[in-house]
C-alpha atoms as a PDB file:
ATOM      1  CA  MET A   1       3.474  -5.642 -33.618  1.00  0.00           C
ATOM      2  CA  THR A   2       7.093  -4.573 -33.788  1.00  0.00           C
ATOM      3  CA  SER A   3      10.076  -6.926 -33.691  1.00  0.00           C
ATOM      4  CA  ARG A   4      10.412  -6.012 -29.981  1.00  0.00           C
ATOM      5  CA  GLY A   5       6.800  -7.064 -29.302  1.00  0.00           C
ATOM      6  CA  VAL A   6       5.413  -3.542 -28.965  1.00  0.00           C
ATOM      7  CA  ILE A   7       1.717  -3.286 -29.810  1.00  0.00           C
ATOM      8  CA  THR A   8       0.065   0.000 -30.781  1.00  0.00           C
ATOM      9  CA  LEU A   9      -3.567   0.467 -29.812  1.00  0.00           C
ATOM     10  CA  PRO A  10      -5.532   2.831 -32.044  1.00  0.00           C
ATOM     11  CA  ALA A  11      -6.222   6.262 -30.515  1.00  0.00           C
ATOM     12  CA  ARG A  12      -9.988   5.755 -30.773  1.00  0.00           C
ATOM     13  CA  LEU A  13      -9.746   2.532 -28.743  1.00  0.00           C
ATOM     14  CA  ARG A  14      -7.462   4.151 -26.132  1.00  0.00           C
ATOM     15  CA  ARG A  15      -9.914   7.041 -25.718  1.00  0.00           C
ATOM     16  CA  ALA A  16     -12.913   4.703 -25.493  1.00  0.00           C
ATOM     17  CA  LEU A  17     -11.174   2.705 -22.747  1.00  0.00           C
ATOM     18  CA  GLY A  18      -9.859   5.781 -20.935  1.00  0.00           C
ATOM     19  CA  LEU A  19      -6.244   4.682 -21.360  1.00  0.00           C
ATOM     20  CA  LYS A  20      -3.565   7.303 -20.863  1.00  0.00           C
ATOM     21  CA  PRO A  21       0.146   7.342 -21.721  1.00  0.00           C
ATOM     22  CA  ASP A  22       2.189   5.200 -19.315  1.00  0.00           C
ATOM     23  CA  ASP A  23      -0.876   3.233 -18.131  1.00  0.00           C
ATOM     24  CA  ILE A  24       0.135  -0.325 -17.319  1.00  0.00           C
ATOM     25  CA  LEU A  25      -1.730  -3.210 -18.944  1.00  0.00           C
ATOM     26  CA  ILE A  26      -1.710  -6.890 -18.085  1.00  0.00           C
ATOM     27  CA  ALA A  27      -1.649  -9.322 -21.018  1.00  0.00           C
ATOM     28  CA  GLU A  28      -3.248 -12.733 -20.525  1.00  0.00           C
ATOM     29  CA  THR A  29      -3.922 -15.589 -22.880  1.00  0.00           C
ATOM     30  CA  THR A  30      -7.454 -16.963 -22.951  1.00  0.00           C
ATOM     31  CA  PRO A  31      -9.105 -19.674 -25.045  1.00  0.00           C
ATOM     32  CA  GLU A  32     -10.441 -16.839 -27.229  1.00  0.00           C
ATOM     33  CA  GLY A  33      -7.019 -15.191 -27.710  1.00  0.00           C
ATOM     34  CA  LEU A  34      -5.203 -12.318 -26.024  1.00  0.00           C
ATOM     35  CA  LEU A  35      -6.804 -10.277 -23.230  1.00  0.00           C
ATOM     36  CA  LEU A  36      -5.401  -6.872 -22.297  1.00  0.00           C
ATOM     37  CA  ARG A  37      -6.681  -5.278 -19.113  1.00  0.00           C
ATOM     38  CA  PRO A  38      -5.609  -2.333 -16.970  1.00  0.00           C
ATOM     39  CA  ALA A  39      -3.316  -3.215 -14.080  1.00  0.00           C
ATOM     40  CA  VAL A  40      -4.143  -1.993 -10.602  1.00  0.00           C
ATOM     41  CA  THR A  41      -1.131  -0.196  -9.189  1.00  0.00           C
ATOM     42  CA  LEU A  42      -0.673   1.281  -5.745  1.00  0.00           C
ATOM     43  CA  PRO A  43       1.753   4.027  -4.828  1.00  0.00           C
ATOM     44  CA  VAL A  44       4.665   3.053  -2.608  1.00  0.00           C
ATOM     45  CA  GLU A  45       5.746   5.385   0.157  1.00  0.00           C
ATOM     46  CA  LEU A  46       9.352   5.484   1.288  1.00  0.00           C
ATOM     47  CA  TYR A  47      10.106   6.873   4.732  1.00  0.00           C
ATOM     48  CA  ALA A  48      13.262   8.331   6.218  1.00  0.00           C
ATOM     49  CA  GLU A  49      14.644   6.569   9.319  1.00  0.00           C
ATOM     50  CA  GLU A  50      13.468   9.466  11.490  1.00  0.00           C
ATOM     51  CA  ARG A  51       9.876   9.018  10.267  1.00  0.00           C
ATOM     52  CA  VAL A  52      10.050   5.254  10.865  1.00  0.00           C
ATOM     53  CA  ARG A  53      11.174   5.950  14.464  1.00  0.00           C
ATOM     54  CA  GLU A  54       8.188   8.298  14.876  1.00  0.00           C
ATOM     55  CA  PHE A  55       5.870   5.501  13.731  1.00  0.00           C
ATOM     56  CA  ASP A  56       7.521   3.062  16.153  1.00  0.00           C
ATOM     57  CA  GLU A  57       7.194   5.500  19.060  1.00  0.00           C
ATOM     58  CA  THR A  58       3.548   6.169  18.280  1.00  0.00           C
ATOM     59  CA  GLU A  59       2.801   2.444  18.077  1.00  0.00           C
ATOM     60  CA  ALA A  60       4.550   1.895  21.423  1.00  0.00           C
ATOM     61  CA  GLU A  61       2.477   4.703  22.982  1.00  0.00           C
ATOM     62  CA  LEU A  62      -0.711   3.181  21.584  1.00  0.00           C
ATOM     63  CA  ALA A  63       0.226  -0.267  22.922  1.00  0.00           C
ATOM     64  CA  ALA A  64       0.895   1.224  26.364  1.00  0.00           C
ATOM     65  CA  ALA A  65      -2.428   3.088  26.336  1.00  0.00           C
ATOM     66  CA  MET A  66      -4.275  -0.078  25.343  1.00  0.00           C
ATOM     67  CA  ARG A  67      -2.463  -2.037  28.074  1.00  0.00           C
ATOM     68  CA  ASP A  68      -3.379   0.652  30.647  1.00  0.00           C
ATOM     69  CA  ARG A  69      -7.000   0.605  29.507  1.00  0.00           C
ATOM     70  CA  GLU A  70      -7.170  -3.177  29.789  1.00  0.00           C
ATOM     71  CA  GLN A  71      -5.593  -3.076  33.255  1.00  0.00           C
ATOM     72  CA  ALA A  72      -8.084  -0.427  34.368  1.00  0.00           C
ATOM     73  CA  ARG A  73     -10.951  -2.476  32.976  1.00  0.00           C
ATOM     74  CA  THR A  74      -9.874  -5.732  34.638  1.00  0.00           C
ATOM     75  CA  GLY A  75      -8.415  -4.179  37.778  1.00  0.00           C
ATOM     76  CA  SER A  76      -5.125  -5.878  37.064  1.00  0.00           C
ATOM     77  CA  ALA A  77      -2.252  -4.783  39.296  1.00  0.00           C
ATOM     78  CA  LYS A  78       0.472  -5.553  36.789  1.00  0.00           C
ATOM     79  CA  VAL A  79       3.274  -3.028  36.615  1.00  0.00           C
ATOM     80  CA  ALA A  80       3.297  -1.326  33.234  1.00  0.00           C
ATOM     81  CA  ALA A  81       6.519  -0.959  31.285  1.00  0.00           C
ATOM     82  CA  PRO A  82       7.961   2.553  31.434  1.00  0.00           C
ATOM     83  CA  ARG A  83       6.822   4.788  28.608  1.00  0.00           C
ATOM     84  CA  LYS A  84       9.125   6.718  26.343  1.00  0.00           C
ATOM     85  CA  ARG A  85       8.730  10.443  26.626  1.00  0.00           C
ATOM     86  CA  ARG A  86       8.225  12.489  23.493  1.00  0.00           C
ATOM     87  CA  ARG A  87      10.708  15.246  22.880  1.00  0.00           C
END
């Protein structure tokens, strides 16, 4: 281990475990010593404001369709909120 705490795993061990450069490992202490295991990472998606508005509009359309379906099923005479029109 280096003075900065960097640990080098032998190439044979990395290959046997299927570890690749830049893989992230979690280090845990156990009664037996140190446990290193692969971390599960998920990609993060970033959306532009325009795309977020598209999601919001689609969700509003879906909510309106579900409301209409429920009203048709129950025979409810409630007045539905006006829908936004897609451009």
